[in-house]
Amino acid sequence: MTQNDNLQPDSSFDTVKESASDVLGGLMSKIQRLEKAMDEEDMGAVYQIYWQELPVSIQQSSNANHEIDNFLTSKIDREFIKTFPFMILRKKVSPVLMDYQISSYYRDRTVIEIDATQPEITVLPEIKQQWEQVETGFYENEIKRLQNKEDDFEAKKILATTEIKKLENLIDQINDEKEELEASKTFRNRKKIEEDLLDLDDKYDDLQAEIKKWQPYLTNENHSVNPTNELNQQIKALMLEQAIAIKELRLIKKYFNDVKNMEEQLQIFNQNFLKIGGE
């Protein structure tokens, strides 16, 4: 007998076939359970079977055209609106991500996002921060600070107008003096008058330099000195942001009493959603 004749296979083809049949049978059983759970809208079972029990390859093939995604988003959207009828779907960002606003107001925007794959319901952090800034008085303080800065600049504009007028009058006087000196210039006093004219030119240059220091307060050329437009835009943006956040807080008070209770209600909804169709 050769060495190969002494080797015994670990399992026969029948055993392999039986093992494969068991695997396929188990997989088929999971798929059938998933179908049943979807038919009965047993959402807890749907999430459990699909995400925890099915192989990734089956997850991908069964969701090739977003069949599972659409099922999950349609179910959670339906239940979400049923539970909170004042919520409005703004847009479907992706096959599994949806944006919602609280009721309808003059400046609609996304406040809550639902990720149907988890599922997970989130109040957008940047929106929640704005609500906190309303309650802490941040907006009022910041708007007041910018307004004071604007008022300070307006005062400097008035002062700049006055100072430039004074400097221009002095320049006019220098020009008059230069004309008088030029008219009185003779051969004998030529050197002295030229020295006096040079002195006047120096004073003229100094006055022009002073005018240049004040001019930015009267123009929009230098934003570091003349921030009028920028300050005005910042104040308007903050006032609008504050107004929207205040409106949302009023809606939250109307429907939930406060932000904390709203977040608690959203989490309770999430938990209840996973029990739909189940025990």
C-alpha atoms as a PDB file:
ATOM      1  CA  MET A   1       0.000   0.000   0.000  1.00  0.00           C
ATOM      2  CA  THR A   2       1.232   3.476  -0.797  1.00  0.00           C
ATOM      3  CA  GLN A   3       1.293   6.347   1.644  1.00  0.00           C
ATOM      4  CA  ASN A   4      -1.737   7.919  -0.059  1.00  0.00           C
ATOM      5  CA  ASP A   5      -3.693   4.683   0.384  1.00  0.00           C
ATOM      6  CA  ASN A   6      -3.226   4.986   4.147  1.00  0.00           C
ATOM      7  CA  LEU A   7      -4.766   8.545   4.238  1.00  0.00           C
ATOM      8  CA  GLN A   8      -8.444   8.546   5.259  1.00  0.00           C
ATOM      9  CA  PRO A   9     -10.644  11.552   4.386  1.00  0.00           C
ATOM     10  CA  ASP A  10     -11.957  13.588   7.342  1.00  0.00           C
ATOM     11  CA  SER A  11     -15.461  13.409   5.954  1.00  0.00           C
ATOM     12  CA  SER A  12     -17.209  11.869   3.042  1.00  0.00           C
ATOM     13  CA  PHE A  13     -18.975  13.871   0.326  1.00  0.00           C
ATOM     14  CA  ASP A  14     -22.281  12.983   1.915  1.00  0.00           C
ATOM     15  CA  THR A  15     -21.152  14.516   5.185  1.00  0.00           C
ATOM     16  CA  VAL A  16     -20.047  17.706   3.412  1.00  0.00           C
ATOM     17  CA  LYS A  17     -23.372  17.868   1.598  1.00  0.00           C
ATOM     18  CA  GLU A  18     -25.245  17.348   4.837  1.00  0.00           C
ATOM     19  CA  SER A  19     -23.240  20.086   6.549  1.00  0.00           C
ATOM     20  CA  ALA A  20     -23.830  22.501   3.665  1.00  0.00           C
ATOM     21  CA  SER A  21     -27.516  21.632   3.715  1.00  0.00           C
ATOM     22  CA  ASP A  22     -27.679  22.454   7.411  1.00  0.00           C
ATOM     23  CA  VAL A  23     -25.986  25.837   6.793  1.00  0.00           C
ATOM     24  CA  LEU A  24     -28.288  26.690   3.909  1.00  0.00           C
ATOM     25  CA  GLY A  25     -31.275  25.494   5.908  1.00  0.00           C
ATOM     26  CA  GLY A  26     -30.308  27.725   8.810  1.00  0.00           C
ATOM     27  CA  LEU A  27     -29.827  30.669   6.475  1.00  0.00           C
ATOM     28  CA  MET A  28     -33.170  30.040   4.795  1.00  0.00           C
ATOM     29  CA  SER A  29     -34.816  29.884   8.207  1.00  0.00           C
ATOM     30  CA  LYS A  30     -33.380  33.307   9.102  1.00  0.00           C
ATOM     31  CA  ILE A  31     -34.562  34.791   5.821  1.00  0.00           C
ATOM     32  CA  GLN A  32     -38.050  33.384   6.377  1.00  0.00           C
ATOM     33  CA  ARG A  33     -38.072  34.781   9.908  1.00  0.00           C
ATOM     34  CA  LEU A  34     -37.016  38.175   8.519  1.00  0.00           C
ATOM     35  CA  GLU A  35     -39.818  38.108   5.960  1.00  0.00           C
ATOM     36  CA  LYS A  36     -42.319  37.185   8.672  1.00  0.00           C
ATOM     37  CA  ALA A  37     -41.039  39.954  10.956  1.00  0.00           C
ATOM     38  CA  MET A  38     -41.343  42.490   8.141  1.00  0.00           C
ATOM     39  CA  ASP A  39     -44.870  41.321   7.304  1.00  0.00           C
ATOM     40  CA  GLU A  40     -45.885  41.607  10.951  1.00  0.00           C
ATOM     41  CA  GLU A  41     -43.892  44.844  11.385  1.00  0.00           C
ATOM     42  CA  ASP A  42     -42.059  43.354  14.331  1.00  0.00           C
ATOM     43  CA  MET A  43     -39.373  46.021  14.134  1.00  0.00           C
ATOM     44  CA  GLY A  44     -37.266  44.722  16.992  1.00  0.00           C
ATOM     45  CA  ALA A  45     -37.054  41.341  15.266  1.00  0.00           C
ATOM     46  CA  VAL A  46     -36.344  42.973  11.883  1.00  0.00           C
ATOM     47  CA  TYR A  47     -33.349  44.868  13.240  1.00  0.00           C
ATOM     48  CA  GLN A  48     -32.118  41.863  15.227  1.00  0.00           C
ATOM     49  CA  ILE A  49     -32.304  39.361  12.374  1.00  0.00           C
ATOM     50  CA  TYR A  50     -31.087  41.670   9.624  1.00  0.00           C
ATOM     51  CA  TRP A  51     -28.146  43.253  11.437  1.00  0.00           C
ATOM     52  CA  GLN A  52     -27.164  40.561  13.922  1.00  0.00           C
ATOM     53  CA  GLU A  53     -27.959  37.242  12.296  1.00  0.00           C
ATOM     54  CA  LEU A  54     -27.659  37.538   8.511  1.00  0.00           C
ATOM     55  CA  PRO A  55     -24.223  37.415   6.865  1.00  0.00           C
ATOM     56  CA  VAL A  56     -22.975  40.653   5.346  1.00  0.00           C
ATOM     57  CA  SER A  57     -23.231  39.201   1.843  1.00  0.00           C
ATOM     58  CA  ILE A  58     -26.947  38.488   2.339  1.00  0.00           C
ATOM     59  CA  GLN A  59     -27.484  41.938   3.874  1.00  0.00           C
ATOM     60  CA  GLN A  60     -25.962  43.538   0.795  1.00  0.00           C
ATOM     61  CA  SER A  61     -27.761  41.407  -1.767  1.00  0.00           C
ATOM     62  CA  SER A  62     -31.151  41.810  -0.077  1.00  0.00           C
ATOM     63  CA  ASN A  63     -30.649  45.596   0.031  1.00  0.00           C
ATOM     64  CA  ALA A  64     -29.124  46.033  -3.416  1.00  0.00           C
ATOM     65  CA  ASN A  65     -31.810  48.513  -4.463  1.00  0.00           C
ATOM     66  CA  HIS A  66     -32.394  49.879  -0.950  1.00  0.00           C
ATOM     67  CA  GLU A  67     -35.331  47.563  -0.316  1.00  0.00           C
ATOM     68  CA  ILE A  68     -34.497  47.208   3.389  1.00  0.00           C
ATOM     69  CA  ASP A  69     -33.538  50.892   3.684  1.00  0.00           C
ATOM     70  CA  ASN A  70     -36.880  51.986   2.243  1.00  0.00           C
ATOM     71  CA  PHE A  71     -38.755  49.586   4.503  1.00  0.00           C
ATOM     72  CA  LEU A  72     -37.021  50.904   7.625  1.00  0.00           C
ATOM     73  CA  THR A  73     -37.357  54.606   6.728  1.00  0.00           C
ATOM     74  CA  SER A  74     -41.015  54.292   5.744  1.00  0.00           C
ATOM     75  CA  LYS A  75     -41.897  52.517   8.996  1.00  0.00           C
ATOM     76  CA  ILE A  76     -40.036  54.834  11.324  1.00  0.00           C
ATOM     77  CA  ASP A  77     -41.264  57.944   9.484  1.00  0.00           C
ATOM     78  CA  ARG A  78     -44.861  56.726   9.724  1.00  0.00           C
ATOM     79  CA  GLU A  79     -44.598  56.017  13.455  1.00  0.00           C
ATOM     80  CA  PHE A  80     -42.642  59.213  14.127  1.00  0.00           C
ATOM     81  CA  ILE A  81     -45.292  61.419  12.501  1.00  0.00           C
ATOM     82  CA  LYS A  82     -48.055  59.419  14.189  1.00  0.00           C
ATOM     83  CA  THR A  83     -46.441  59.975  17.600  1.00  0.00           C
ATOM     84  CA  PHE A  84     -45.414  63.587  16.952  1.00  0.00           C
ATOM     85  CA  PRO A  85     -47.878  64.949  14.350  1.00  0.00           C
ATOM     86  CA  PHE A  86     -46.348  68.432  14.566  1.00  0.00           C
ATOM     87  CA  MET A  87     -43.019  67.145  13.196  1.00  0.00           C
ATOM     88  CA  ILE A  88     -42.442  67.762   9.488  1.00  0.00           C
ATOM     89  CA  LEU A  89     -40.141  65.771   7.217  1.00  0.00           C
ATOM     90  CA  ARG A  90     -37.942  68.351   5.471  1.00  0.00           C
ATOM     91  CA  LYS A  91     -35.938  66.037   3.264  1.00  0.00           C
ATOM     92  CA  LYS A  92     -34.545  62.559   2.877  1.00  0.00           C
ATOM     93  CA  VAL A  93     -30.802  63.117   2.954  1.00  0.00           C
ATOM     94  CA  SER A  94     -29.924  59.536   2.002  1.00  0.00           C
ATOM     95  CA  PRO A  95     -31.719  56.189   1.750  1.00  0.00           C
ATOM     96  CA  VAL A  96     -31.500  55.882   5.556  1.00  0.00           C
ATOM     97  CA  LEU A  97     -31.133  59.471   6.847  1.00  0.00           C
ATOM     98  CA  MET A  98     -34.084  61.853   7.256  1.00  0.00           C
ATOM     99  CA  ASP A  99     -34.272  65.470   8.433  1.00  0.00           C
ATOM    100  CA  TYR A 100     -37.197  66.888  10.431  1.00  0.00           C
ATOM    101  CA  GLN A 101     -38.281  70.301  11.672  1.00  0.00           C
ATOM    102  CA  ILE A 102     -40.569  71.183  14.557  1.00  0.00           C
ATOM    103  CA  SER A 103     -43.827  72.462  13.084  1.00  0.00           C
ATOM    104  CA  SER A 104     -43.698  75.211  10.462  1.00  0.00           C
ATOM    105  CA  TYR A 105     -42.417  78.743  11.020  1.00  0.00           C
ATOM    106  CA  TYR A 106     -41.105  81.629   8.970  1.00  0.00           C
ATOM    107  CA  ARG A 107     -37.562  80.212   8.699  1.00  0.00           C
ATOM    108  CA  ASP A 108     -37.806  76.423   8.447  1.00  0.00           C
ATOM    109  CA  ARG A 109     -34.696  74.378   9.160  1.00  0.00           C
ATOM    110  CA  THR A 110     -33.631  70.903  10.195  1.00  0.00           C
ATOM    111  CA  VAL A 111     -33.672  70.308  13.935  1.00  0.00           C
ATOM    112  CA  ILE A 112     -33.814  66.508  14.234  1.00  0.00           C
ATOM    113  CA  GLU A 113     -32.191  63.744  12.188  1.00  0.00           C
ATOM    114  CA  ILE A 114     -33.232  60.106  12.151  1.00  0.00           C
ATOM    115  CA  ASP A 115     -30.830  57.394  11.067  1.00  0.00           C
ATOM    116  CA  ALA A 116     -33.025  54.399  10.260  1.00  0.00           C
ATOM    117  CA  THR A 117     -30.137  51.919  10.256  1.00  0.00           C
ATOM    118  CA  GLN A 118     -29.714  52.074  14.043  1.00  0.00           C
ATOM    119  CA  PRO A 119     -32.338  53.433  14.551  1.00  0.00           C
ATOM    120  CA  GLU A 120     -31.050  56.655  16.111  1.00  0.00           C
ATOM    121  CA  ILE A 121     -32.782  60.002  16.669  1.00  0.00           C
ATOM    122  CA  THR A 122     -30.544  63.033  17.160  1.00  0.00           C
ATOM    123  CA  VAL A 123     -31.137  66.696  17.907  1.00  0.00           C
ATOM    124  CA  LEU A 124     -28.512  68.475  15.789  1.00  0.00           C
ATOM    125  CA  PRO A 125     -25.720  69.610  18.161  1.00  0.00           C
ATOM    126  CA  GLU A 126     -25.341  73.029  16.531  1.00  0.00           C
ATOM    127  CA  ILE A 127     -29.082  73.702  16.916  1.00  0.00           C
ATOM    128  CA  LYS A 128     -29.092  72.557  20.528  1.00  0.00           C
ATOM    129  CA  GLN A 129     -26.144  74.866  21.198  1.00  0.00           C
ATOM    130  CA  GLN A 130     -28.142  77.809  19.862  1.00  0.00           C
ATOM    131  CA  TRP A 131     -31.027  76.965  22.199  1.00  0.00           C
ATOM    132  CA  GLU A 132     -28.574  76.919  25.109  1.00  0.00           C
ATOM    133  CA  GLN A 133     -27.158  80.280  23.987  1.00  0.00           C
ATOM    134  CA  VAL A 134     -30.646  81.795  24.106  1.00  0.00           C
ATOM    135  CA  GLU A 135     -31.190  80.525  27.646  1.00  0.00           C
ATOM    136  CA  THR A 136     -27.768  81.680  28.888  1.00  0.00           C
ATOM    137  CA  GLY A 137     -28.185  85.156  27.393  1.00  0.00           C
ATOM    138  CA  PHE A 138     -25.258  84.735  25.006  1.00  0.00           C
ATOM    139  CA  TYR A 139     -27.083  86.350  22.080  1.00  0.00           C
ATOM    140  CA  GLU A 140     -28.210  89.388  24.061  1.00  0.00           C
ATOM    141  CA  ASN A 141     -24.705  89.962  25.423  1.00  0.00           C
ATOM    142  CA  GLU A 142     -22.980  89.464  22.076  1.00  0.00           C
ATOM    143  CA  ILE A 143     -25.428  91.681  20.186  1.00  0.00           C
ATOM    144  CA  LYS A 144     -25.024  94.375  22.846  1.00  0.00           C
ATOM    145  CA  ARG A 145     -21.225  94.110  22.613  1.00  0.00           C
ATOM    146  CA  LEU A 146     -21.296  94.526  18.828  1.00  0.00           C
ATOM    147  CA  GLN A 147     -23.768  97.405  19.068  1.00  0.00           C
ATOM    148  CA  ASN A 148     -21.495  99.170  21.565  1.00  0.00           C
ATOM    149  CA  LYS A 149     -18.604  98.637  19.183  1.00  0.00           C
ATOM    150  CA  GLU A 150     -20.720 100.064  16.385  1.00  0.00           C
ATOM    151  CA  ASP A 151     -21.701 103.055  18.541  1.00  0.00           C
ATOM    152  CA  ASP A 152     -18.055 103.624  19.441  1.00  0.00           C
ATOM    153  CA  PHE A 153     -17.151 103.664  15.790  1.00  0.00           C
ATOM    154  CA  GLU A 154     -19.985 106.079  14.984  1.00  0.00           C
ATOM    155  CA  ALA A 155     -18.604 108.409  17.653  1.00  0.00           C
ATOM    156  CA  LYS A 156     -15.177 108.192  16.047  1.00  0.00           C
ATOM    157  CA  LYS A 157     -16.724 108.980  12.664  1.00  0.00           C
ATOM    158  CA  ILE A 158     -18.159 112.196  14.080  1.00  0.00           C
ATOM    159  CA  LEU A 159     -14.813 113.052  15.679  1.00  0.00           C
ATOM    160  CA  ALA A 160     -13.006 112.224  12.420  1.00  0.00           C
ATOM    161  CA  THR A 161     -15.248 114.628  10.500  1.00  0.00           C
ATOM    162  CA  THR A 162     -14.475 117.403  12.971  1.00  0.00           C
ATOM    163  CA  GLU A 163     -10.730 116.722  13.068  1.00  0.00           C
ATOM    164  CA  ILE A 164     -10.378 116.499   9.297  1.00  0.00           C
ATOM    165  CA  LYS A 165     -12.183 119.815   8.936  1.00  0.00           C
ATOM    166  CA  LYS A 166      -9.736 121.431  11.388  1.00  0.00           C
ATOM    167  CA  LEU A 167      -6.734 119.926   9.588  1.00  0.00           C
ATOM    168  CA  GLU A 168      -8.033 121.053   6.204  1.00  0.00           C
ATOM    169  CA  ASN A 169      -8.405 124.611   7.550  1.00  0.00           C
ATOM    170  CA  LEU A 170      -4.792 124.520   8.746  1.00  0.00           C
ATOM    171  CA  ILE A 171      -3.709 123.285   5.312  1.00  0.00           C
ATOM    172  CA  ASP A 172      -5.582 126.172   3.720  1.00  0.00           C
ATOM    173  CA  GLN A 173      -3.714 128.567   6.009  1.00  0.00           C
ATOM    174  CA  ILE A 174      -0.391 127.016   5.017  1.00  0.00           C
ATOM    175  CA  ASN A 175      -1.245 127.379   1.345  1.00  0.00           C
ATOM    176  CA  ASP A 176      -2.089 131.040   1.918  1.00  0.00           C
ATOM    177  CA  GLU A 177       1.208 131.571   3.755  1.00  0.00           C
ATOM    178  CA  LYS A 178       3.130 129.896   0.939  1.00  0.00           C
ATOM    179  CA  GLU A 179       1.488 132.162  -1.613  1.00  0.00           C
ATOM    180  CA  GLU A 180       2.370 135.245   0.439  1.00  0.00           C
ATOM    181  CA  LEU A 181       5.973 134.130   0.788  1.00  0.00           C
ATOM    182  CA  GLU A 182       6.273 133.388  -2.913  1.00  0.00           C
ATOM    183  CA  ALA A 183       4.904 136.823  -3.676  1.00  0.00           C
ATOM    184  CA  SER A 184       7.379 138.505  -1.311  1.00  0.00           C
ATOM    185  CA  LYS A 185      10.424 136.603  -2.559  1.00  0.00           C
ATOM    186  CA  THR A 186      13.289 138.815  -3.745  1.00  0.00           C
ATOM    187  CA  PHE A 187      16.912 138.239  -4.547  1.00  0.00           C
ATOM    188  CA  ARG A 188      17.949 139.388  -1.102  1.00  0.00           C
ATOM    189  CA  ASN A 189      15.522 137.323   0.969  1.00  0.00           C
ATOM    190  CA  ARG A 190      15.362 134.354  -1.392  1.00  0.00           C
ATOM    191  CA  LYS A 191      17.305 131.948   0.858  1.00  0.00           C
ATOM    192  CA  LYS A 192      15.290 132.805   3.966  1.00  0.00           C
ATOM    193  CA  ILE A 193      11.959 132.472   2.183  1.00  0.00           C
ATOM    194  CA  GLU A 194      12.937 129.124   0.670  1.00  0.00           C
ATOM    195  CA  GLU A 195      13.780 127.870   4.162  1.00  0.00           C
ATOM    196  CA  ASP A 196      10.402 129.110   5.408  1.00  0.00           C
ATOM    197  CA  LEU A 197       8.681 127.393   2.488  1.00  0.00           C
ATOM    198  CA  LEU A 198      10.427 124.121   3.334  1.00  0.00           C
ATOM    199  CA  ASP A 199       9.168 124.415   6.897  1.00  0.00           C
ATOM    200  CA  LEU A 200       5.656 124.992   5.615  1.00  0.00           C
ATOM    201  CA  ASP A 201       5.965 121.957   3.316  1.00  0.00           C
ATOM    202  CA  ASP A 202       6.937 119.840   6.315  1.00  0.00           C
ATOM    203  CA  LYS A 203       3.904 121.099   8.264  1.00  0.00           C
ATOM    204  CA  TYR A 204       1.742 120.453   5.204  1.00  0.00           C
ATOM    205  CA  ASP A 205       2.998 116.850   4.998  1.00  0.00           C
ATOM    206  CA  ASP A 206       2.375 116.332   8.730  1.00  0.00           C
ATOM    207  CA  LEU A 207      -1.187 117.602   8.398  1.00  0.00           C
ATOM    208  CA  GLN A 208      -1.849 115.377   5.395  1.00  0.00           C
ATOM    209  CA  ALA A 209      -0.551 112.403   7.378  1.00  0.00           C
ATOM    210  CA  GLU A 210      -2.962 113.266  10.194  1.00  0.00           C
ATOM    211  CA  ILE A 211      -5.849 113.459   7.737  1.00  0.00           C
ATOM    212  CA  LYS A 212      -4.965 110.008   6.379  1.00  0.00           C
ATOM    213  CA  LYS A 213      -5.206 108.612   9.908  1.00  0.00           C
ATOM    214  CA  TRP A 214      -8.788 109.849  10.246  1.00  0.00           C
ATOM    215  CA  GLN A 215     -10.021 109.140   6.713  1.00  0.00           C
ATOM    216  CA  PRO A 216     -10.583 105.356   7.204  1.00  0.00           C
ATOM    217  CA  TYR A 217     -13.360 106.198   9.664  1.00  0.00           C
ATOM    218  CA  LEU A 218     -15.223 107.877   6.828  1.00  0.00           C
ATOM    219  CA  THR A 219     -14.658 105.244   4.138  1.00  0.00           C
ATOM    220  CA  ASN A 220     -15.048 101.473   3.722  1.00  0.00           C
ATOM    221  CA  GLU A 221     -11.520 100.889   2.482  1.00  0.00           C
ATOM    222  CA  ASN A 222     -10.006  99.626   5.744  1.00  0.00           C
ATOM    223  CA  HIS A 223     -12.283  97.076   7.456  1.00  0.00           C
ATOM    224  CA  SER A 224      -9.997  96.804  10.484  1.00  0.00           C
ATOM    225  CA  VAL A 225     -10.613 100.499  11.173  1.00  0.00           C
ATOM    226  CA  ASN A 226     -14.015 100.897   9.547  1.00  0.00           C
ATOM    227  CA  PRO A 227     -15.983  97.716  10.323  1.00  0.00           C
ATOM    228  CA  THR A 228     -19.424  99.286   9.848  1.00  0.00           C
ATOM    229  CA  ASN A 229     -20.736  96.862   7.240  1.00  0.00           C
ATOM    230  CA  GLU A 230     -19.167  93.842   8.893  1.00  0.00           C
ATOM    231  CA  LEU A 231     -20.546  94.756  12.324  1.00  0.00           C
ATOM    232  CA  ASN A 232     -23.974  95.391  10.864  1.00  0.00           C
ATOM    233  CA  GLN A 233     -23.973  92.005   9.129  1.00  0.00           C
ATOM    234  CA  GLN A 234     -22.839  90.234  12.293  1.00  0.00           C
ATOM    235  CA  ILE A 235     -25.568  91.891  14.360  1.00  0.00           C
ATOM    236  CA  LYS A 236     -28.262  91.020  11.814  1.00  0.00           C
ATOM    237  CA  ALA A 237     -27.061  87.398  11.574  1.00  0.00           C
ATOM    238  CA  LEU A 238     -27.068  87.003  15.363  1.00  0.00           C
ATOM    239  CA  MET A 239     -30.496  88.593  15.706  1.00  0.00           C
ATOM    240  CA  LEU A 240     -31.935  86.264  13.049  1.00  0.00           C
ATOM    241  CA  GLU A 241     -30.295  83.206  14.621  1.00  0.00           C
ATOM    242  CA  GLN A 242     -31.631  84.238  18.022  1.00  0.00           C
ATOM    243  CA  ALA A 243     -35.150  84.796  16.673  1.00  0.00           C
ATOM    244  CA  ILE A 244     -35.249  81.352  15.049  1.00  0.00           C
ATOM    245  CA  ALA A 245     -33.924  79.643  18.172  1.00  0.00           C
ATOM    246  CA  ILE A 246     -36.459  81.485  20.361  1.00  0.00           C
ATOM    247  CA  LYS A 247     -39.287  80.411  18.053  1.00  0.00           C
ATOM    248  CA  GLU A 248     -38.137  76.792  18.225  1.00  0.00           C
ATOM    249  CA  LEU A 249     -37.910  76.952  22.006  1.00  0.00           C
ATOM    250  CA  ARG A 250     -41.482  78.236  22.137  1.00  0.00           C
ATOM    251  CA  LEU A 251     -42.604  75.290  19.994  1.00  0.00           C
ATOM    252  CA  ILE A 252     -40.672  72.910  22.233  1.00  0.00           C
ATOM    253  CA  LYS A 253     -42.317  74.426  25.302  1.00  0.00           C
ATOM    254  CA  LYS A 254     -45.697  74.012  23.628  1.00  0.00           C
ATOM    255  CA  TYR A 255     -45.219  70.355  22.688  1.00  0.00           C
ATOM    256  CA  PHE A 256     -42.657  69.049  25.221  1.00  0.00           C
ATOM    257  CA  ASN A 257     -42.349  71.630  28.006  1.00  0.00           C
ATOM    258  CA  ASP A 258     -38.539  71.822  27.627  1.00  0.00           C
ATOM    259  CA  VAL A 259     -35.566  70.484  25.632  1.00  0.00           C
ATOM    260  CA  LYS A 260     -34.674  67.834  28.207  1.00  0.00           C
ATOM    261  CA  ASN A 261     -38.178  66.370  28.145  1.00  0.00           C
ATOM    262  CA  MET A 262     -38.173  66.447  24.347  1.00  0.00           C
ATOM    263  CA  GLU A 263     -34.980  64.387  24.182  1.00  0.00           C
ATOM    264  CA  GLU A 264     -36.435  61.949  26.699  1.00  0.00           C
ATOM    265  CA  GLN A 265     -39.608  61.612  24.624  1.00  0.00           C
ATOM    266  CA  LEU A 266     -37.550  60.981  21.493  1.00  0.00           C
ATOM    267  CA  GLN A 267     -35.638  58.194  23.216  1.00  0.00           C
ATOM    268  CA  ILE A 268     -38.871  56.652  24.531  1.00  0.00           C
ATOM    269  CA  PHE A 269     -40.231  56.715  20.993  1.00  0.00           C
ATOM    270  CA  ASN A 270     -37.104  54.975  19.742  1.00  0.00           C
ATOM    271  CA  GLN A 271     -37.481  52.244  22.336  1.00  0.00           C
ATOM    272  CA  ASN A 272     -41.163  51.798  21.600  1.00  0.00           C
ATOM    273  CA  PHE A 273     -40.510  51.685  17.864  1.00  0.00           C
ATOM    274  CA  LEU A 274     -38.310  48.617  18.315  1.00  0.00           C
ATOM    275  CA  LYS A 275     -41.189  46.918  20.175  1.00  0.00           C
ATOM    276  CA  ILE A 276     -43.727  47.479  17.412  1.00  0.00           C
ATOM    277  CA  GLY A 277     -45.193  44.136  16.382  1.00  0.00           C
ATOM    278  CA  GLY A 278     -43.331  42.383  19.194  1.00  0.00           C
ATOM    279  CA  GLU A 279     -44.290  41.480  22.720  1.00  0.00           C
END
